[in-house]
Amino acid sequence: MPRYKNQFAAPKFSQETIIDGSTGETIGTIRVKPSSVLWKPKGQQRYYAVSLDAFTAWITAGATRAGRTKS
């Protein structure tokens, strides 16, 4: 494959809209950045943010009862 003079910039974050599976209504938006996780509920203008370190500590703590996926 030839080397190109120009290239696409890498995305700065990944964002997904979460919808209710039964009603199809939007629940909110989650945005994942290299340094943080952001959540914006439906109808809100600003995100709630937590550092990736704080999120990692919370999700792996036994009190959250988060389970590991099979894959």
PDB file of N, CA and C in Angstrom:
ATOM      1  N   MET A   1       0.841  -1.165   0.000  1.00  0.00           N
ATOM      2  CA  MET A   1       0.000   0.000   0.000  1.00  0.00           C
ATOM      3  C   MET A   1       0.895   1.240   0.000  1.00  0.00           C
ATOM      4  N   PRO A   2       0.564   2.251  -0.766  1.00  0.00           N
ATOM      5  CA  PRO A   2       1.438   3.426  -0.835  1.00  0.00           C
ATOM      6  C   PRO A   2       1.365   4.261   0.441  1.00  0.00           C
ATOM      7  N   ARG A   3       2.416   4.967   0.705  1.00  0.00           N
ATOM      8  CA  ARG A   3       2.422   5.902   1.839  1.00  0.00           C
ATOM      9  C   ARG A   3       1.686   7.156   1.397  1.00  0.00           C
ATOM     10  N   TYR A   4       0.802   7.640   2.224  1.00  0.00           N
ATOM     11  CA  TYR A   4       0.020   8.812   1.899  1.00  0.00           C
ATOM     12  C   TYR A   4       0.632  10.053   2.523  1.00  0.00           C
ATOM     13  N   LYS A   5       0.491  11.164   1.844  1.00  0.00           N
ATOM     14  CA  LYS A   5       0.977  12.441   2.354  1.00  0.00           C
ATOM     15  C   LYS A   5       0.102  12.928   3.502  1.00  0.00           C
ATOM     16  N   ASN A   6      -1.208  12.700   3.412  1.00  0.00           N
ATOM     17  CA  ASN A   6      -2.162  13.130   4.432  1.00  0.00           C
ATOM     18  C   ASN A   6      -2.757  11.921   5.124  1.00  0.00           C
ATOM     19  N   GLN A   7      -3.324  12.164   6.281  1.00  0.00           N
ATOM     20  CA  GLN A   7      -3.949  11.072   7.022  1.00  0.00           C
ATOM     21  C   GLN A   7      -5.111  11.607   7.854  1.00  0.00           C
ATOM     22  N   PHE A   8      -5.955  10.706   8.330  1.00  0.00           N
ATOM     23  CA  PHE A   8      -7.059  11.079   9.211  1.00  0.00           C
ATOM     24  C   PHE A   8      -6.530  11.254  10.625  1.00  0.00           C
ATOM     25  N   ALA A   9      -7.063  12.226  11.331  1.00  0.00           N
ATOM     26  CA  ALA A   9      -6.728  12.400  12.741  1.00  0.00           C
ATOM     27  C   ALA A   9      -7.451  11.332  13.551  1.00  0.00           C
ATOM     28  N   ALA A  10      -6.814  10.833  14.573  1.00  0.00           N
ATOM     29  CA  ALA A  10      -7.443   9.837  15.446  1.00  0.00           C
ATOM     30  C   ALA A  10      -8.548  10.506  16.251  1.00  0.00           C
ATOM     31  N   PRO A  11      -9.651   9.800  16.505  1.00  0.00           N
ATOM     32  CA  PRO A  11     -10.714  10.403  17.320  1.00  0.00           C
ATOM     33  C   PRO A  11     -10.217  10.678  18.740  1.00  0.00           C
ATOM     34  N   LYS A  12     -10.710  11.749  19.328  1.00  0.00           N
ATOM     35  CA  LYS A  12     -10.299  12.137  20.676  1.00  0.00           C
ATOM     36  C   LYS A  12     -11.143  11.462  21.756  1.00  0.00           C
ATOM     37  N   PHE A  13     -12.300  10.909  21.349  1.00  0.00           N
ATOM     38  CA  PHE A  13     -13.148  10.205  22.294  1.00  0.00           C
ATOM     39  C   PHE A  13     -14.085   9.284  21.524  1.00  0.00           C
ATOM     40  N   SER A  14     -14.709   8.377  22.270  1.00  0.00           N
ATOM     41  CA  SER A  14     -15.733   7.497  21.717  1.00  0.00           C
ATOM     42  C   SER A  14     -17.034   7.844  22.424  1.00  0.00           C
ATOM     43  N   GLN A  15     -18.109   8.015  21.664  1.00  0.00           N
ATOM     44  CA  GLN A  15     -19.382   8.436  22.247  1.00  0.00           C
ATOM     45  C   GLN A  15     -20.508   7.544  21.752  1.00  0.00           C
ATOM     46  N   GLU A  16     -21.398   7.183  22.650  1.00  0.00           N
ATOM     47  CA  GLU A  16     -22.564   6.368  22.320  1.00  0.00           C
ATOM     48  C   GLU A  16     -23.799   6.929  23.016  1.00  0.00           C
ATOM     49  N   THR A  17     -24.929   6.867  22.332  1.00  0.00           N
ATOM     50  CA  THR A  17     -26.208   7.234  22.919  1.00  0.00           C
ATOM     51  C   THR A  17     -26.865   5.958  23.422  1.00  0.00           C
ATOM     52  N   ILE A  18     -27.314   5.970  24.661  1.00  0.00           N
ATOM     53  CA  ILE A  18     -27.960   4.807  25.273  1.00  0.00           C
ATOM     54  C   ILE A  18     -29.465   5.001  25.160  1.00  0.00           C
ATOM     55  N   ILE A  19     -30.157   3.993  24.602  1.00  0.00           N
ATOM     56  CA  ILE A  19     -31.613   4.065  24.474  1.00  0.00           C
ATOM     57  C   ILE A  19     -32.256   2.913  25.227  1.00  0.00           C
ATOM     58  N   ASP A  20     -33.477   3.136  25.691  1.00  0.00           N
ATOM     59  CA  ASP A  20     -34.257   2.111  26.381  1.00  0.00           C
ATOM     60  C   ASP A  20     -34.684   1.075  25.348  1.00  0.00           C
ATOM     61  N   GLY A  21     -34.384  -0.184  25.590  1.00  0.00           N
ATOM     62  CA  GLY A  21     -34.689  -1.245  24.644  1.00  0.00           C
ATOM     63  C   GLY A  21     -36.163  -1.490  24.431  1.00  0.00           C
ATOM     64  N   SER A  22     -36.989  -1.188  25.421  1.00  0.00           N
ATOM     65  CA  SER A  22     -38.418  -1.458  25.275  1.00  0.00           C
ATOM     66  C   SER A  22     -39.196  -0.276  24.705  1.00  0.00           C
ATOM     67  N   THR A  23     -38.765   0.951  25.031  1.00  0.00           N
ATOM     68  CA  THR A  23     -39.512   2.115  24.560  1.00  0.00           C
ATOM     69  C   THR A  23     -38.804   2.877  23.445  1.00  0.00           C
ATOM     70  N   GLY A  24     -37.507   2.655  23.299  1.00  0.00           N
ATOM     71  CA  GLY A  24     -36.743   3.370  22.291  1.00  0.00           C
ATOM     72  C   GLY A  24     -36.384   4.791  22.683  1.00  0.00           C
ATOM     73  N   GLU A  25     -36.707   5.191  23.896  1.00  0.00           N
ATOM     74  CA  GLU A  25     -36.397   6.543  24.357  1.00  0.00           C
ATOM     75  C   GLU A  25     -34.930   6.652  24.756  1.00  0.00           C
ATOM     76  N   THR A  26     -34.362   7.816  24.540  1.00  0.00           N
ATOM     77  CA  THR A  26     -32.979   8.066  24.921  1.00  0.00           C
ATOM     78  C   THR A  26     -32.863   8.148  26.438  1.00  0.00           C
ATOM     79  N   ILE A  27     -31.880   7.433  26.989  1.00  0.00           N
ATOM     80  CA  ILE A  27     -31.600   7.477  28.419  1.00  0.00           C
ATOM     81  C   ILE A  27     -30.508   8.498  28.693  1.00  0.00           C
ATOM     82  N   GLY A  28     -29.479   8.503  27.844  1.00  0.00           N
ATOM     83  CA  GLY A  28     -28.384   9.439  28.017  1.00  0.00           C
ATOM     84  C   GLY A  28     -27.266   9.142  27.040  1.00  0.00           C
ATOM     85  N   THR A  29     -26.147   9.822  27.241  1.00  0.00           N
ATOM     86  CA  THR A  29     -24.979   9.681  26.373  1.00  0.00           C
ATOM     87  C   THR A  29     -23.758   9.395  27.230  1.00  0.00           C
ATOM     88  N   ILE A  30     -22.983   8.414  26.812  1.00  0.00           N
ATOM     89  CA  ILE A  30     -21.722   8.115  27.495  1.00  0.00           C
ATOM     90  C   ILE A  30     -20.584   8.445  26.537  1.00  0.00           C
ATOM     91  N   ARG A  31     -19.553   9.067  27.071  1.00  0.00           N
ATOM     92  CA  ARG A  31     -18.382   9.445  26.279  1.00  0.00           C
ATOM     93  C   ARG A  31     -17.148   8.945  27.024  1.00  0.00           C
ATOM     94  N   VAL A  32     -16.297   8.212  26.325  1.00  0.00           N
ATOM     95  CA  VAL A  32     -15.078   7.667  26.925  1.00  0.00           C
ATOM     96  C   VAL A  32     -13.874   8.349  26.287  1.00  0.00           C
ATOM     97  N   LYS A  33     -13.059   8.941  27.142  1.00  0.00           N
ATOM     98  CA  LYS A  33     -11.826   9.599  26.715  1.00  0.00           C
ATOM     99  C   LYS A  33     -10.648   8.825  27.300  1.00  0.00           C
ATOM    100  N   PRO A  34      -9.442   9.066  26.832  1.00  0.00           N
ATOM    101  CA  PRO A  34      -8.286   8.369  27.404  1.00  0.00           C
ATOM    102  C   PRO A  34      -8.062   8.659  28.885  1.00  0.00           C
ATOM    103  N   SER A  35      -8.587   9.776  29.378  1.00  0.00           N
ATOM    104  CA  SER A  35      -8.349  10.137  30.780  1.00  0.00           C
ATOM    105  C   SER A  35      -9.598  10.151  31.639  1.00  0.00           C
ATOM    106  N   SER A  36     -10.792  10.014  31.039  1.00  0.00           N
ATOM    107  CA  SER A  36     -12.018  10.125  31.837  1.00  0.00           C
ATOM    108  C   SER A  36     -13.205   9.454  31.165  1.00  0.00           C
ATOM    109  N   VAL A  37     -14.249   9.268  31.965  1.00  0.00           N
ATOM    110  CA  VAL A  37     -15.534   8.752  31.490  1.00  0.00           C
ATOM    111  C   VAL A  37     -16.572   9.820  31.808  1.00  0.00           C
ATOM    112  N   LEU A  38     -17.405  10.174  30.813  1.00  0.00           N
ATOM    113  CA  LEU A  38     -18.404  11.225  30.996  1.00  0.00           C
ATOM    114  C   LEU A  38     -19.797  10.661  30.750  1.00  0.00           C
ATOM    115  N   TRP A  39     -20.776  11.150  31.507  1.00  0.00           N
ATOM    116  CA  TRP A  39     -22.173  10.726  31.379  1.00  0.00           C
ATOM    117  C   TRP A  39     -23.061  11.958  31.343  1.00  0.00           C
ATOM    118  N   LYS A  40     -23.978  11.991  30.371  1.00  0.00           N
ATOM    119  CA  LYS A  40     -24.932  13.095  30.278  1.00  0.00           C
ATOM    120  C   LYS A  40     -26.327  12.493  30.179  1.00  0.00           C
ATOM    121  N   PRO A  41     -27.160  12.650  31.217  1.00  0.00           N
ATOM    122  CA  PRO A  41     -28.533  12.150  31.150  1.00  0.00           C
ATOM    123  C   PRO A  41     -29.339  12.898  30.085  1.00  0.00           C
ATOM    124  N   LYS A  42     -30.391  12.266  29.605  1.00  0.00           N
ATOM    125  CA  LYS A  42     -31.282  12.879  28.621  1.00  0.00           C
ATOM    126  C   LYS A  42     -31.776  14.228  29.135  1.00  0.00           C
ATOM    127  N   GLY A  43     -31.774  15.228  28.261  1.00  0.00           N
ATOM    128  CA  GLY A  43     -32.289  16.546  28.613  1.00  0.00           C
ATOM    129  C   GLY A  43     -31.311  17.444  29.334  1.00  0.00           C
ATOM    130  N   GLN A  44     -30.132  16.947  29.654  1.00  0.00           N
ATOM    131  CA  GLN A  44     -29.124  17.752  30.348  1.00  0.00           C
ATOM    132  C   GLN A  44     -28.167  18.369  29.333  1.00  0.00           C
ATOM    133  N   GLN A  45     -27.573  19.488  29.678  1.00  0.00           N
ATOM    134  CA  GLN A  45     -26.644  20.169  28.786  1.00  0.00           C
ATOM    135  C   GLN A  45     -25.183  19.836  29.089  1.00  0.00           C
ATOM    136  N   ARG A  46     -24.897  19.467  30.325  1.00  0.00           N
ATOM    137  CA  ARG A  46     -23.511  19.233  30.731  1.00  0.00           C
ATOM    138  C   ARG A  46     -23.308  17.797  31.179  1.00  0.00           C
ATOM    139  N   TYR A  47     -22.068  17.334  31.021  1.00  0.00           N
ATOM    140  CA  TYR A  47     -21.692  15.969  31.400  1.00  0.00           C
ATOM    141  C   TYR A  47     -21.289  15.881  32.864  1.00  0.00           C
ATOM    142  N   TYR A  48     -21.502  14.723  33.465  1.00  0.00           N
ATOM    143  CA  TYR A  48     -20.877  14.350  34.724  1.00  0.00           C
ATOM    144  C   TYR A  48     -19.591  13.648  34.324  1.00  0.00           C
ATOM    145  N   ALA A  49     -18.484  13.939  34.996  1.00  0.00           N
ATOM    146  CA  ALA A  49     -17.197  13.359  34.616  1.00  0.00           C
ATOM    147  C   ALA A  49     -16.519  12.718  35.813  1.00  0.00           C
ATOM    148  N   VAL A  50     -15.778  11.658  35.535  1.00  0.00           N
ATOM    149  CA  VAL A  50     -14.967  10.999  36.546  1.00  0.00           C
ATOM    150  C   VAL A  50     -13.671  10.567  35.858  1.00  0.00           C
ATOM    151  N   SER A  51     -12.568  10.648  36.587  1.00  0.00           N
ATOM    152  CA  SER A  51     -11.287  10.254  35.996  1.00  0.00           C
ATOM    153  C   SER A  51     -11.302   8.752  35.723  1.00  0.00           C
ATOM    154  N   LEU A  52     -10.479   8.331  34.794  1.00  0.00           N
ATOM    155  CA  LEU A  52     -10.399   6.909  34.467  1.00  0.00           C
ATOM    156  C   LEU A  52      -9.895   6.113  35.662  1.00  0.00           C
ATOM    157  N   ASP A  53      -8.985   6.695  36.437  1.00  0.00           N
ATOM    158  CA  ASP A  53      -8.486   6.023  37.641  1.00  0.00           C
ATOM    159  C   ASP A  53      -9.601   5.812  38.657  1.00  0.00           C
ATOM    160  N   ALA A  54     -10.429   6.833  38.871  1.00  0.00           N
ATOM    161  CA  ALA A  54     -11.544   6.709  39.819  1.00  0.00           C
ATOM    162  C   ALA A  54     -12.575   5.708  39.309  1.00  0.00           C
ATOM    163  N   PHE A  55     -12.848   5.726  38.013  1.00  0.00           N
ATOM    164  CA  PHE A  55     -13.790   4.765  37.434  1.00  0.00           C
ATOM    165  C   PHE A  55     -13.272   3.343  37.593  1.00  0.00           C
ATOM    166  N   THR A  56     -11.988   3.135  37.323  1.00  0.00           N
ATOM    167  CA  THR A  56     -11.389   1.803  37.457  1.00  0.00           C
ATOM    168  C   THR A  56     -11.482   1.304  38.891  1.00  0.00           C
ATOM    169  N   ALA A  57     -11.173   2.159  39.852  1.00  0.00           N
ATOM    170  CA  ALA A  57     -11.262   1.771  41.269  1.00  0.00           C
ATOM    171  C   ALA A  57     -12.698   1.424  41.643  1.00  0.00           C
ATOM    172  N   TRP A  58     -13.665   2.201  41.150  1.00  0.00           N
ATOM    173  CA  TRP A  58     -15.068   1.966  41.482  1.00  0.00           C
ATOM    174  C   TRP A  58     -15.588   0.674  40.850  1.00  0.00           C
ATOM    175  N   ILE A  59     -15.348   0.463  39.565  1.00  0.00           N
ATOM    176  CA  ILE A  59     -15.932  -0.677  38.868  1.00  0.00           C
ATOM    177  C   ILE A  59     -15.324  -2.003  39.321  1.00  0.00           C
ATOM    178  N   THR A  60     -14.086  -1.986  39.789  1.00  0.00           N
ATOM    179  CA  THR A  60     -13.455  -3.231  40.233  1.00  0.00           C
ATOM    180  C   THR A  60     -13.646  -3.494  41.724  1.00  0.00           C
ATOM    181  N   ALA A  61     -14.236  -2.546  42.451  1.00  0.00           N
ATOM    182  CA  ALA A  61     -14.486  -2.741  43.886  1.00  0.00           C
ATOM    183  C   ALA A  61     -15.592  -3.782  44.072  1.00  0.00           C
ATOM    184  N   GLY A  62     -15.448  -4.610  45.081  1.00  0.00           N
ATOM    185  CA  GLY A  62     -16.432  -5.662  45.341  1.00  0.00           C
ATOM    186  C   GLY A  62     -17.825  -5.135  45.649  1.00  0.00           C
ATOM    187  N   ALA A  63     -17.906  -3.949  46.243  1.00  0.00           N
ATOM    188  CA  ALA A  63     -19.201  -3.388  46.640  1.00  0.00           C
ATOM    189  C   ALA A  63     -20.086  -3.065  45.446  1.00  0.00           C
ATOM    190  N   THR A  64     -19.528  -2.855  44.266  1.00  0.00           N
ATOM    191  CA  THR A  64     -20.350  -2.524  43.101  1.00  0.00           C
ATOM    192  C   THR A  64     -21.042  -3.750  42.521  1.00  0.00           C
ATOM    193  N   ARG A  65     -20.548  -4.923  42.882  1.00  0.00           N
ATOM    194  CA  ARG A  65     -21.070  -6.195  42.376  1.00  0.00           C
ATOM    195  C   ARG A  65     -21.006  -6.300  40.861  1.00  0.00           C
ATOM    196  N   ALA A  66     -20.055  -5.607  40.255  1.00  0.00           N
ATOM    197  CA  ALA A  66     -19.846  -5.702  38.809  1.00  0.00           C
ATOM    198  C   ALA A  66     -19.211  -7.058  38.515  1.00  0.00           C
ATOM    199  N   GLY A  67     -19.749  -7.737  37.534  1.00  0.00           N
ATOM    200  CA  GLY A  67     -19.222  -9.047  37.160  1.00  0.00           C
ATOM    201  C   GLY A  67     -18.379  -8.957  35.905  1.00  0.00           C
ATOM    202  N   ARG A  68     -17.527  -9.926  35.742  1.00  0.00           N
ATOM    203  CA  ARG A  68     -16.702  -9.989  34.536  1.00  0.00           C
ATOM    204  C   ARG A  68     -17.505 -10.594  33.399  1.00  0.00           C
ATOM    205  N   THR A  69     -17.183 -10.149  32.179  1.00  0.00           N
ATOM    206  CA  THR A  69     -17.859 -10.706  31.021  1.00  0.00           C
ATOM    207  C   THR A  69     -17.268 -12.067  30.681  1.00  0.00           C
ATOM    208  N   LYS A  70     -17.982 -12.839  29.907  1.00  0.00           N
ATOM    209  CA  LYS A  70     -17.527 -14.172  29.546  1.00  0.00           C
ATOM    210  C   LYS A  70     -16.441 -14.140  28.482  1.00  0.00           C
ATOM    211  N   SER A  71     -16.389 -13.062  27.704  1.00  0.00           N
ATOM    212  CA  SER A  71     -15.389 -13.013  26.626  1.00  0.00           C
ATOM    213  C   SER A  71     -14.176 -12.201  26.999  1.00  0.00           C
TER     214      SER A  71
END
